[in-house]
Amino acid sequence: MVSREQEAKMLEETRLLVDLFLKTQESDIDLEKRTGISSSTVGRRLTNKKRIIQVYGYKIGEEIYNQVMGIRKNNLQKGKKIGGQKSMLNNVYVKDENGKFSGSTKLRVDVIYDDELLQKHFLFHLALTFKAKPKTIADLFQIDEKKLLEDLIGVSMGGYNSLLNLIYHDNSDQELVKQNIISYYRELLYAISKKDNEEKIRLINMVSDEKASLVKKSLEDGTVNTASLTDEDVEVLFRYQIKYALSVTEVANTFGLDAKIYEMRISSLKALEEEKNALDSISDFPGGRK
């Protein structure tokens, strides 16, 4: 027999946990850490339809209950996918005597993004950042290469010529590219599984153009000019240049830079000596370096 005090406490916990869950979509264990309520109790409160309806009213309560159950189901499925990826990487992430990763690889982009359009954009940026040809991405994620190429072209927009350069002119060692992507993916998967959103964003920004967009905004606002850019900002622009296989002039035009000063700033960067060699291949692409 449940007393009135116990019933009131259960309803109070139900409201607290449902509201938090809908806001954060965290696991029962994470909600335990946040509230001090045991994970087993969290699970019971979030799946008790009768009490959820008591708290929110019949019509809204039933909708909320269905929403909670739907999210929990998706979380469970995503957790299984992440677990499967970890297991696969534990087997793949071993190099043979030739320095190659052994085992069968099937990376999943749906553990990073649920939305298909965001998945396509991510693969496009991943390909350009790591210099991975469509076949390499198709092999790693086990996607039909023709379909993948159509998807990459579909989201390329201003990066279409850069994609063509990657496909027809880039000579990067694709085995090394695969290893680098697997290493990157492993870090990203770990951040996602730990719900480390800050680290997840940092890793995604490594392949996106977010940092370059921020530098461009500061240049357009007049906050900085080419000479006053920090070395970190110049490095961001340089990586953007390499990613999209652009000439110095093209980068200058895109970001509103003084081309001569920008090239001088590049020359002074010591942290990217190895990557500066990539500029030689850009000179063979229409437009050249200058």
C-alpha atoms as a PDB file:
ATOM      1  CA  MET A   1       0.000   0.000   0.000  1.00  0.00           C
ATOM      2  CA  VAL A   2       1.475   3.332  -1.126  1.00  0.00           C
ATOM      3  CA  SER A   3       0.971   6.250   1.256  1.00  0.00           C
ATOM      4  CA  ARG A   4      -0.051   9.713   0.091  1.00  0.00           C
ATOM      5  CA  GLU A   5       3.443  11.000   0.814  1.00  0.00           C
ATOM      6  CA  GLN A   6       5.013   8.222  -1.263  1.00  0.00           C
ATOM      7  CA  GLU A   7       2.578   8.798  -4.123  1.00  0.00           C
ATOM      8  CA  ALA A   8       3.285  12.542  -4.079  1.00  0.00           C
ATOM      9  CA  LYS A   9       7.025  11.845  -4.158  1.00  0.00           C
ATOM     10  CA  MET A  10       6.619   9.455  -7.120  1.00  0.00           C
ATOM     11  CA  LEU A  11       4.626  12.045  -9.057  1.00  0.00           C
ATOM     12  CA  GLU A  12       7.175  14.743  -8.242  1.00  0.00           C
ATOM     13  CA  GLU A  13      10.024  12.499  -9.415  1.00  0.00           C
ATOM     14  CA  THR A  14       8.064  11.623 -12.550  1.00  0.00           C
ATOM     15  CA  ARG A  15       7.638  15.283 -13.513  1.00  0.00           C
ATOM     16  CA  LEU A  16      11.288  16.077 -12.773  1.00  0.00           C
ATOM     17  CA  LEU A  17      12.650  13.096 -14.715  1.00  0.00           C
ATOM     18  CA  VAL A  18      10.301  13.399 -17.703  1.00  0.00           C
ATOM     19  CA  ASP A  19      11.075  17.105 -18.096  1.00  0.00           C
ATOM     20  CA  LEU A  20      14.828  16.448 -17.836  1.00  0.00           C
ATOM     21  CA  PHE A  21      14.680  13.490 -20.196  1.00  0.00           C
ATOM     22  CA  LEU A  22      12.790  15.405 -22.888  1.00  0.00           C
ATOM     23  CA  LYS A  23      15.322  18.230 -22.554  1.00  0.00           C
ATOM     24  CA  THR A  24      18.520  16.150 -22.474  1.00  0.00           C
ATOM     25  CA  GLN A  25      17.546  12.689 -23.821  1.00  0.00           C
ATOM     26  CA  GLU A  26      20.122  11.305 -21.397  1.00  0.00           C
ATOM     27  CA  SER A  27      20.406   7.679 -20.292  1.00  0.00           C
ATOM     28  CA  ASP A  28      19.011   6.444 -16.976  1.00  0.00           C
ATOM     29  CA  ILE A  29      22.539   6.381 -15.552  1.00  0.00           C
ATOM     30  CA  ASP A  30      23.215   9.975 -16.651  1.00  0.00           C
ATOM     31  CA  LEU A  31      19.922  11.100 -15.107  1.00  0.00           C
ATOM     32  CA  GLU A  32      20.924   9.329 -11.896  1.00  0.00           C
ATOM     33  CA  LYS A  33      24.138  11.362 -11.803  1.00  0.00           C
ATOM     34  CA  ARG A  34      22.190  14.542 -12.465  1.00  0.00           C
ATOM     35  CA  THR A  35      19.380  13.992  -9.926  1.00  0.00           C
ATOM     36  CA  GLY A  36      20.634  11.492  -7.362  1.00  0.00           C
ATOM     37  CA  ILE A  37      17.656   9.230  -8.147  1.00  0.00           C
ATOM     38  CA  SER A  38      18.768   5.637  -8.805  1.00  0.00           C
ATOM     39  CA  SER A  39      18.864   4.560 -12.454  1.00  0.00           C
ATOM     40  CA  SER A  40      16.409   1.735 -11.760  1.00  0.00           C
ATOM     41  CA  THR A  41      13.927   4.249 -10.329  1.00  0.00           C
ATOM     42  CA  VAL A  42      14.547   6.560 -13.296  1.00  0.00           C
ATOM     43  CA  GLY A  43      13.624   3.721 -15.639  1.00  0.00           C
ATOM     44  CA  ARG A  44      10.435   2.968 -13.725  1.00  0.00           C
ATOM     45  CA  ARG A  45       9.326   6.601 -13.610  1.00  0.00           C
ATOM     46  CA  LEU A  46       9.928   7.193 -17.304  1.00  0.00           C
ATOM     47  CA  THR A  47       8.025   4.090 -18.397  1.00  0.00           C
ATOM     48  CA  ASN A  48       5.030   4.371 -16.054  1.00  0.00           C
ATOM     49  CA  LYS A  49       2.271   5.555 -18.363  1.00  0.00           C
ATOM     50  CA  LYS A  50      -0.311   5.817 -15.593  1.00  0.00           C
ATOM     51  CA  ARG A  51       1.740   8.254 -13.501  1.00  0.00           C
ATOM     52  CA  ILE A  52       2.857  10.312 -16.491  1.00  0.00           C
ATOM     53  CA  ILE A  53      -0.809  10.812 -17.383  1.00  0.00           C
ATOM     54  CA  GLN A  54      -1.536  11.707 -13.740  1.00  0.00           C
ATOM     55  CA  VAL A  55       1.139  14.412 -13.882  1.00  0.00           C
ATOM     56  CA  TYR A  56       0.369  15.935 -17.290  1.00  0.00           C
ATOM     57  CA  GLY A  57      -3.292  15.103 -17.851  1.00  0.00           C
ATOM     58  CA  TYR A  58      -4.736  12.421 -20.104  1.00  0.00           C
ATOM     59  CA  LYS A  59      -4.352  13.951 -23.588  1.00  0.00           C
ATOM     60  CA  ILE A  60      -0.960  15.620 -23.141  1.00  0.00           C
ATOM     61  CA  GLY A  61       0.252  12.853 -20.821  1.00  0.00           C
ATOM     62  CA  GLU A  62      -0.321  10.148 -23.417  1.00  0.00           C
ATOM     63  CA  GLU A  63       1.509  12.206 -26.052  1.00  0.00           C
ATOM     64  CA  ILE A  64       4.423  12.780 -23.671  1.00  0.00           C
ATOM     65  CA  TYR A  65       4.527   9.093 -22.739  1.00  0.00           C
ATOM     66  CA  ASN A  66       4.687   8.081 -26.426  1.00  0.00           C
ATOM     67  CA  GLN A  67       7.395  10.683 -27.035  1.00  0.00           C
ATOM     68  CA  VAL A  68       9.451   9.412 -24.090  1.00  0.00           C
ATOM     69  CA  MET A  69       9.115   5.800 -25.218  1.00  0.00           C
ATOM     70  CA  GLY A  70      10.063   6.732 -28.788  1.00  0.00           C
ATOM     71  CA  ILE A  71      13.220   8.517 -27.643  1.00  0.00           C
ATOM     72  CA  ARG A  72      14.162   5.635 -25.338  1.00  0.00           C
ATOM     73  CA  LYS A  73      13.746   3.215 -28.229  1.00  0.00           C
ATOM     74  CA  ASN A  74      15.960   5.374 -30.483  1.00  0.00           C
ATOM     75  CA  ASN A  75      18.553   5.694 -27.704  1.00  0.00           C
ATOM     76  CA  LEU A  76      18.611   1.927 -27.298  1.00  0.00           C
ATOM     77  CA  GLN A  77      19.053   1.384 -31.029  1.00  0.00           C
ATOM     78  CA  LYS A  78      21.788   4.022 -31.228  1.00  0.00           C
ATOM     79  CA  GLY A  79      23.506   2.494 -28.207  1.00  0.00           C
ATOM     80  CA  LYS A  80      23.534  -0.881 -29.953  1.00  0.00           C
ATOM     81  CA  LYS A  81      24.994   0.715 -33.094  1.00  0.00           C
ATOM     82  CA  ILE A  82      27.732   2.446 -31.085  1.00  0.00           C
ATOM     83  CA  GLY A  83      28.472  -0.792 -29.229  1.00  0.00           C
ATOM     84  CA  GLY A  84      28.742  -2.637 -32.520  1.00  0.00           C
ATOM     85  CA  GLN A  85      31.077   0.026 -33.906  1.00  0.00           C
ATOM     86  CA  LYS A  86      33.323  -0.163 -30.848  1.00  0.00           C
ATOM     87  CA  SER A  87      33.537  -3.926 -31.170  1.00  0.00           C
ATOM     88  CA  MET A  88      34.319  -3.653 -34.880  1.00  0.00           C
ATOM     89  CA  LEU A  89      37.013  -1.030 -34.306  1.00  0.00           C
ATOM     90  CA  ASN A  90      38.632  -3.117 -31.571  1.00  0.00           C
ATOM     91  CA  ASN A  91      39.162  -5.801 -34.197  1.00  0.00           C
ATOM     92  CA  VAL A  92      39.991  -3.492 -37.108  1.00  0.00           C
ATOM     93  CA  TYR A  93      42.194  -1.116 -35.163  1.00  0.00           C
ATOM     94  CA  VAL A  94      45.126  -3.538 -35.290  1.00  0.00           C
ATOM     95  CA  LYS A  95      47.870  -3.148 -37.869  1.00  0.00           C
ATOM     96  CA  ASP A  96      49.383  -6.093 -39.680  1.00  0.00           C
ATOM     97  CA  GLU A  97      53.080  -6.482 -40.526  1.00  0.00           C
ATOM     98  CA  ASN A  98      52.656  -4.091 -43.483  1.00  0.00           C
ATOM     99  CA  GLY A  99      51.235  -1.331 -41.290  1.00  0.00           C
ATOM    100  CA  LYS A 100      47.703  -1.756 -42.617  1.00  0.00           C
ATOM    101  CA  PHE A 101      44.574  -2.112 -40.516  1.00  0.00           C
ATOM    102  CA  SER A 102      43.297  -5.662 -40.459  1.00  0.00           C
ATOM    103  CA  GLY A 103      39.719  -6.882 -40.329  1.00  0.00           C
ATOM    104  CA  SER A 104      36.536  -5.814 -42.078  1.00  0.00           C
ATOM    105  CA  THR A 105      35.562  -2.154 -41.797  1.00  0.00           C
ATOM    106  CA  LYS A 106      32.050  -0.749 -41.880  1.00  0.00           C
ATOM    107  CA  LEU A 107      31.870   2.675 -40.307  1.00  0.00           C
ATOM    108  CA  ARG A 108      28.411   4.123 -39.647  1.00  0.00           C
ATOM    109  CA  VAL A 109      27.636   7.755 -40.323  1.00  0.00           C
ATOM    110  CA  ASP A 110      24.215   7.374 -38.685  1.00  0.00           C
ATOM    111  CA  VAL A 111      25.792   7.252 -35.213  1.00  0.00           C
ATOM    112  CA  ILE A 112      27.007  10.814 -35.877  1.00  0.00           C
ATOM    113  CA  TYR A 113      23.895  12.273 -37.527  1.00  0.00           C
ATOM    114  CA  ASP A 114      20.355  10.933 -37.808  1.00  0.00           C
ATOM    115  CA  ASP A 115      19.461  13.339 -40.615  1.00  0.00           C
ATOM    116  CA  GLU A 116      20.413  12.017 -44.074  1.00  0.00           C
ATOM    117  CA  LEU A 117      21.285  15.446 -45.470  1.00  0.00           C
ATOM    118  CA  LEU A 118      23.652  16.109 -42.566  1.00  0.00           C
ATOM    119  CA  GLN A 119      25.187  12.676 -43.167  1.00  0.00           C
ATOM    120  CA  LYS A 120      25.892  13.586 -46.797  1.00  0.00           C
ATOM    121  CA  HIS A 121      27.433  16.929 -45.816  1.00  0.00           C
ATOM    122  CA  PHE A 122      29.603  15.204 -43.208  1.00  0.00           C
ATOM    123  CA  LEU A 123      30.911  12.652 -45.729  1.00  0.00           C
ATOM    124  CA  PHE A 124      31.622  15.445 -48.225  1.00  0.00           C
ATOM    125  CA  HIS A 125      33.684  17.380 -45.660  1.00  0.00           C
ATOM    126  CA  LEU A 126      35.350  14.180 -44.475  1.00  0.00           C
ATOM    127  CA  ALA A 127      36.405  13.355 -48.036  1.00  0.00           C
ATOM    128  CA  LEU A 128      37.888  16.789 -48.760  1.00  0.00           C
ATOM    129  CA  THR A 129      39.574  17.159 -45.361  1.00  0.00           C
ATOM    130  CA  PHE A 130      41.289  13.776 -45.438  1.00  0.00           C
ATOM    131  CA  LYS A 131      41.714  13.698 -49.237  1.00  0.00           C
ATOM    132  CA  ALA A 132      39.646  10.531 -49.426  1.00  0.00           C
ATOM    133  CA  LYS A 133      38.464   9.599 -52.886  1.00  0.00           C
ATOM    134  CA  PRO A 134      34.834   8.447 -53.235  1.00  0.00           C
ATOM    135  CA  LYS A 135      35.947   4.800 -53.459  1.00  0.00           C
ATOM    136  CA  THR A 136      37.783   5.135 -50.135  1.00  0.00           C
ATOM    137  CA  ILE A 137      34.730   6.596 -48.401  1.00  0.00           C
ATOM    138  CA  ALA A 138      32.503   3.998 -50.067  1.00  0.00           C
ATOM    139  CA  ASP A 139      34.769   1.184 -48.847  1.00  0.00           C
ATOM    140  CA  LEU A 140      34.990   2.493 -45.287  1.00  0.00           C
ATOM    141  CA  PHE A 141      31.254   3.110 -44.891  1.00  0.00           C
ATOM    142  CA  GLN A 142      30.228   0.297 -47.266  1.00  0.00           C
ATOM    143  CA  ILE A 143      28.131   2.604 -49.430  1.00  0.00           C
ATOM    144  CA  ASP A 144      27.491   2.095 -53.142  1.00  0.00           C
ATOM    145  CA  GLU A 145      30.194   4.206 -54.814  1.00  0.00           C
ATOM    146  CA  LYS A 146      27.949   5.528 -57.584  1.00  0.00           C
ATOM    147  CA  LYS A 147      25.256   6.552 -55.081  1.00  0.00           C
ATOM    148  CA  LEU A 148      27.891   8.133 -52.834  1.00  0.00           C
ATOM    149  CA  LEU A 149      29.328  10.164 -55.701  1.00  0.00           C
ATOM    150  CA  GLU A 150      25.847  11.435 -56.579  1.00  0.00           C
ATOM    151  CA  ASP A 151      25.331  12.425 -52.929  1.00  0.00           C
ATOM    152  CA  LEU A 152      28.699  14.204 -52.709  1.00  0.00           C
ATOM    153  CA  ILE A 153      28.034  16.153 -55.898  1.00  0.00           C
ATOM    154  CA  GLY A 154      24.547  16.984 -54.633  1.00  0.00           C
ATOM    155  CA  VAL A 155      25.881  18.729 -51.514  1.00  0.00           C
ATOM    156  CA  SER A 156      29.132  20.082 -52.993  1.00  0.00           C
ATOM    157  CA  MET A 157      27.750  23.484 -54.085  1.00  0.00           C
ATOM    158  CA  GLY A 158      30.785  25.827 -54.186  1.00  0.00           C
ATOM    159  CA  GLY A 159      33.092  22.877 -53.557  1.00  0.00           C
ATOM    160  CA  TYR A 160      32.278  21.084 -56.817  1.00  0.00           C
ATOM    161  CA  ASN A 161      35.618  21.910 -58.491  1.00  0.00           C
ATOM    162  CA  SER A 162      37.434  20.908 -55.321  1.00  0.00           C
ATOM    163  CA  LEU A 163      35.673  17.545 -55.452  1.00  0.00           C
ATOM    164  CA  LEU A 164      36.743  17.111 -59.081  1.00  0.00           C
ATOM    165  CA  ASN A 165      40.316  17.962 -58.131  1.00  0.00           C
ATOM    166  CA  LEU A 166      40.201  15.345 -55.374  1.00  0.00           C
ATOM    167  CA  ILE A 167      38.880  12.693 -57.739  1.00  0.00           C
ATOM    168  CA  TYR A 168      41.100  13.345 -60.766  1.00  0.00           C
ATOM    169  CA  HIS A 169      44.235  15.142 -59.553  1.00  0.00           C
ATOM    170  CA  ASP A 170      44.928  14.262 -55.916  1.00  0.00           C
ATOM    171  CA  ASN A 171      47.578  11.579 -55.380  1.00  0.00           C
ATOM    172  CA  SER A 172      47.251  11.044 -51.637  1.00  0.00           C
ATOM    173  CA  ASP A 173      48.035   7.527 -50.408  1.00  0.00           C
ATOM    174  CA  GLN A 174      44.514   6.156 -49.918  1.00  0.00           C
ATOM    175  CA  GLU A 175      45.667   3.439 -47.523  1.00  0.00           C
ATOM    176  CA  LEU A 176      47.113   6.113 -45.237  1.00  0.00           C
ATOM    177  CA  VAL A 177      43.938   8.158 -45.728  1.00  0.00           C
ATOM    178  CA  LYS A 178      41.877   5.167 -44.546  1.00  0.00           C
ATOM    179  CA  GLN A 179      44.015   4.822 -41.437  1.00  0.00           C
ATOM    180  CA  ASN A 180      43.656   8.526 -40.640  1.00  0.00           C
ATOM    181  CA  ILE A 181      39.874   8.424 -41.058  1.00  0.00           C
ATOM    182  CA  ILE A 182      39.557   5.338 -38.857  1.00  0.00           C
ATOM    183  CA  SER A 183      41.634   7.048 -36.156  1.00  0.00           C
ATOM    184  CA  TYR A 184      39.493  10.190 -36.409  1.00  0.00           C
ATOM    185  CA  TYR A 185      36.246   8.207 -36.399  1.00  0.00           C
ATOM    186  CA  ARG A 186      37.360   6.271 -33.341  1.00  0.00           C
ATOM    187  CA  GLU A 187      37.887   9.519 -31.400  1.00  0.00           C
ATOM    188  CA  LEU A 188      34.533  10.878 -32.554  1.00  0.00           C
ATOM    189  CA  LEU A 189      32.730   7.662 -31.642  1.00  0.00           C
ATOM    190  CA  TYR A 190      34.313   7.735 -28.183  1.00  0.00           C
ATOM    191  CA  ALA A 191      33.138  11.334 -27.643  1.00  0.00           C
ATOM    192  CA  ILE A 192      29.604  10.428 -28.757  1.00  0.00           C
ATOM    193  CA  SER A 193      29.458   7.351 -26.522  1.00  0.00           C
ATOM    194  CA  LYS A 194      30.654   9.397 -23.538  1.00  0.00           C
ATOM    195  CA  LYS A 195      28.173  12.174 -24.400  1.00  0.00           C
ATOM    196  CA  ASP A 196      31.096  14.591 -24.433  1.00  0.00           C
ATOM    197  CA  ASN A 197      29.380  17.221 -26.560  1.00  0.00           C
ATOM    198  CA  GLU A 198      32.273  19.676 -26.356  1.00  0.00           C
ATOM    199  CA  GLU A 199      34.736  17.114 -27.718  1.00  0.00           C
ATOM    200  CA  LYS A 200      32.216  15.975 -30.352  1.00  0.00           C
ATOM    201  CA  ILE A 201      31.847  19.552 -31.612  1.00  0.00           C
ATOM    202  CA  ARG A 202      35.622  20.042 -31.603  1.00  0.00           C
ATOM    203  CA  LEU A 203      36.124  16.927 -33.721  1.00  0.00           C
ATOM    204  CA  ILE A 204      33.310  17.754 -36.144  1.00  0.00           C
ATOM    205  CA  ASN A 205      34.706  21.278 -36.528  1.00  0.00           C
ATOM    206  CA  MET A 206      38.009  19.691 -37.594  1.00  0.00           C
ATOM    207  CA  VAL A 207      36.345  18.669 -40.860  1.00  0.00           C
ATOM    208  CA  SER A 208      33.644  21.350 -41.167  1.00  0.00           C
ATOM    209  CA  ASP A 209      34.140  24.983 -42.218  1.00  0.00           C
ATOM    210  CA  GLU A 210      32.897  26.421 -38.928  1.00  0.00           C
ATOM    211  CA  LYS A 211      36.250  27.916 -37.895  1.00  0.00           C
ATOM    212  CA  ALA A 212      36.850  29.366 -41.360  1.00  0.00           C
ATOM    213  CA  SER A 213      33.383  30.949 -41.261  1.00  0.00           C
ATOM    214  CA  LEU A 214      34.211  32.621 -37.946  1.00  0.00           C
ATOM    215  CA  VAL A 215      37.476  34.018 -39.350  1.00  0.00           C
ATOM    216  CA  LYS A 216      35.622  35.300 -42.402  1.00  0.00           C
ATOM    217  CA  LYS A 217      33.058  37.026 -40.187  1.00  0.00           C
ATOM    218  CA  SER A 218      35.794  38.756 -38.179  1.00  0.00           C
ATOM    219  CA  LEU A 219      37.405  39.953 -41.424  1.00  0.00           C
ATOM    220  CA  GLU A 220      34.084  41.215 -42.791  1.00  0.00           C
ATOM    221  CA  ASP A 221      33.299  42.976 -39.504  1.00  0.00           C
ATOM    222  CA  GLY A 222      36.645  44.736 -39.652  1.00  0.00           C
ATOM    223  CA  THR A 223      37.617  43.206 -36.315  1.00  0.00           C
ATOM    224  CA  VAL A 224      40.892  42.036 -37.881  1.00  0.00           C
ATOM    225  CA  ASN A 225      42.759  42.397 -41.172  1.00  0.00           C
ATOM    226  CA  THR A 226      45.210  40.107 -42.971  1.00  0.00           C
ATOM    227  CA  ALA A 227      48.202  41.396 -41.013  1.00  0.00           C
ATOM    228  CA  SER A 228      46.516  41.221 -37.616  1.00  0.00           C
ATOM    229  CA  LEU A 229      45.154  37.686 -37.972  1.00  0.00           C
ATOM    230  CA  THR A 230      46.507  35.348 -35.313  1.00  0.00           C
ATOM    231  CA  ASP A 231      48.707  32.432 -36.403  1.00  0.00           C
ATOM    232  CA  GLU A 232      45.817  30.151 -35.471  1.00  0.00           C
ATOM    233  CA  ASP A 233      43.504  32.075 -37.822  1.00  0.00           C
ATOM    234  CA  VAL A 234      46.044  31.867 -40.644  1.00  0.00           C
ATOM    235  CA  GLU A 235      46.359  28.145 -40.003  1.00  0.00           C
ATOM    236  CA  VAL A 236      42.560  27.809 -40.266  1.00  0.00           C
ATOM    237  CA  LEU A 237      42.587  29.627 -43.617  1.00  0.00           C
ATOM    238  CA  PHE A 238      45.532  27.576 -44.839  1.00  0.00           C
ATOM    239  CA  ARG A 239      43.778  24.316 -43.974  1.00  0.00           C
ATOM    240  CA  TYR A 240      40.696  25.624 -45.799  1.00  0.00           C
ATOM    241  CA  GLN A 241      42.892  26.377 -48.810  1.00  0.00           C
ATOM    242  CA  ILE A 242      44.348  22.861 -48.830  1.00  0.00           C
ATOM    243  CA  LYS A 243      40.957  21.271 -48.214  1.00  0.00           C
ATOM    244  CA  TYR A 244      39.374  22.960 -51.228  1.00  0.00           C
ATOM    245  CA  ALA A 245      42.542  22.965 -53.385  1.00  0.00           C
ATOM    246  CA  LEU A 246      42.430  26.752 -53.806  1.00  0.00           C
ATOM    247  CA  SER A 247      45.063  29.175 -54.977  1.00  0.00           C
ATOM    248  CA  VAL A 248      46.278  32.023 -52.770  1.00  0.00           C
ATOM    249  CA  THR A 249      44.325  34.439 -54.968  1.00  0.00           C
ATOM    250  CA  GLU A 250      41.128  32.403 -54.617  1.00  0.00           C
ATOM    251  CA  VAL A 251      41.462  32.330 -50.831  1.00  0.00           C
ATOM    252  CA  ALA A 252      42.169  36.081 -50.789  1.00  0.00           C
ATOM    253  CA  ASN A 253      39.060  36.761 -52.880  1.00  0.00           C
ATOM    254  CA  THR A 254      36.886  34.457 -50.768  1.00  0.00           C
ATOM    255  CA  PHE A 255      37.886  35.952 -47.422  1.00  0.00           C
ATOM    256  CA  GLY A 256      38.737  39.523 -48.451  1.00  0.00           C
ATOM    257  CA  LEU A 257      42.464  39.155 -47.739  1.00  0.00           C
ATOM    258  CA  ASP A 258      45.533  40.935 -49.000  1.00  0.00           C
ATOM    259  CA  ALA A 259      46.985  38.116 -51.121  1.00  0.00           C
ATOM    260  CA  LYS A 260      50.641  39.121 -50.678  1.00  0.00           C
ATOM    261  CA  ILE A 261      50.392  39.503 -46.921  1.00  0.00           C
ATOM    262  CA  TYR A 262      48.449  36.224 -46.648  1.00  0.00           C
ATOM    263  CA  GLU A 263      51.130  34.361 -48.603  1.00  0.00           C
ATOM    264  CA  MET A 264      53.805  35.877 -46.368  1.00  0.00           C
ATOM    265  CA  ARG A 265      51.870  34.744 -43.296  1.00  0.00           C
ATOM    266  CA  ILE A 266      51.655  31.223 -44.735  1.00  0.00           C
ATOM    267  CA  SER A 267      55.396  31.164 -45.314  1.00  0.00           C
ATOM    268  CA  SER A 268      56.012  31.996 -41.648  1.00  0.00           C
ATOM    269  CA  LEU A 269      53.900  29.087 -40.387  1.00  0.00           C
ATOM    270  CA  LYS A 270      56.223  26.388 -39.091  1.00  0.00           C
ATOM    271  CA  ALA A 271      53.517  24.107 -37.704  1.00  0.00           C
ATOM    272  CA  LEU A 272      52.354  23.045 -41.165  1.00  0.00           C
ATOM    273  CA  GLU A 273      55.592  22.509 -43.086  1.00  0.00           C
ATOM    274  CA  GLU A 274      54.544  19.047 -44.242  1.00  0.00           C
ATOM    275  CA  GLU A 275      51.163  20.231 -45.483  1.00  0.00           C
ATOM    276  CA  LYS A 276      52.679  23.077 -47.454  1.00  0.00           C
ATOM    277  CA  ASN A 277      53.815  20.456 -49.967  1.00  0.00           C
ATOM    278  CA  ALA A 278      50.150  20.096 -50.908  1.00  0.00           C
ATOM    279  CA  LEU A 279      50.360  23.534 -52.511  1.00  0.00           C
ATOM    280  CA  ASP A 280      52.546  22.035 -55.245  1.00  0.00           C
ATOM    281  CA  SER A 281      49.675  19.838 -56.421  1.00  0.00           C
ATOM    282  CA  ILE A 282      47.321  22.827 -56.391  1.00  0.00           C
ATOM    283  CA  SER A 283      49.566  24.588 -58.903  1.00  0.00           C
ATOM    284  CA  ASP A 284      48.669  21.884 -61.432  1.00  0.00           C
ATOM    285  CA  PHE A 285      44.971  22.527 -60.999  1.00  0.00           C
ATOM    286  CA  PRO A 286      43.179  25.223 -63.082  1.00  0.00           C
ATOM    287  CA  GLY A 287      43.945  28.612 -61.516  1.00  0.00           C
ATOM    288  CA  GLY A 288      47.259  27.584 -59.981  1.00  0.00           C
ATOM    289  CA  ARG A 289      48.659  28.881 -56.708  1.00  0.00           C
ATOM    290  CA  LYS A 290      48.714  32.590 -57.508  1.00  0.00           C
END
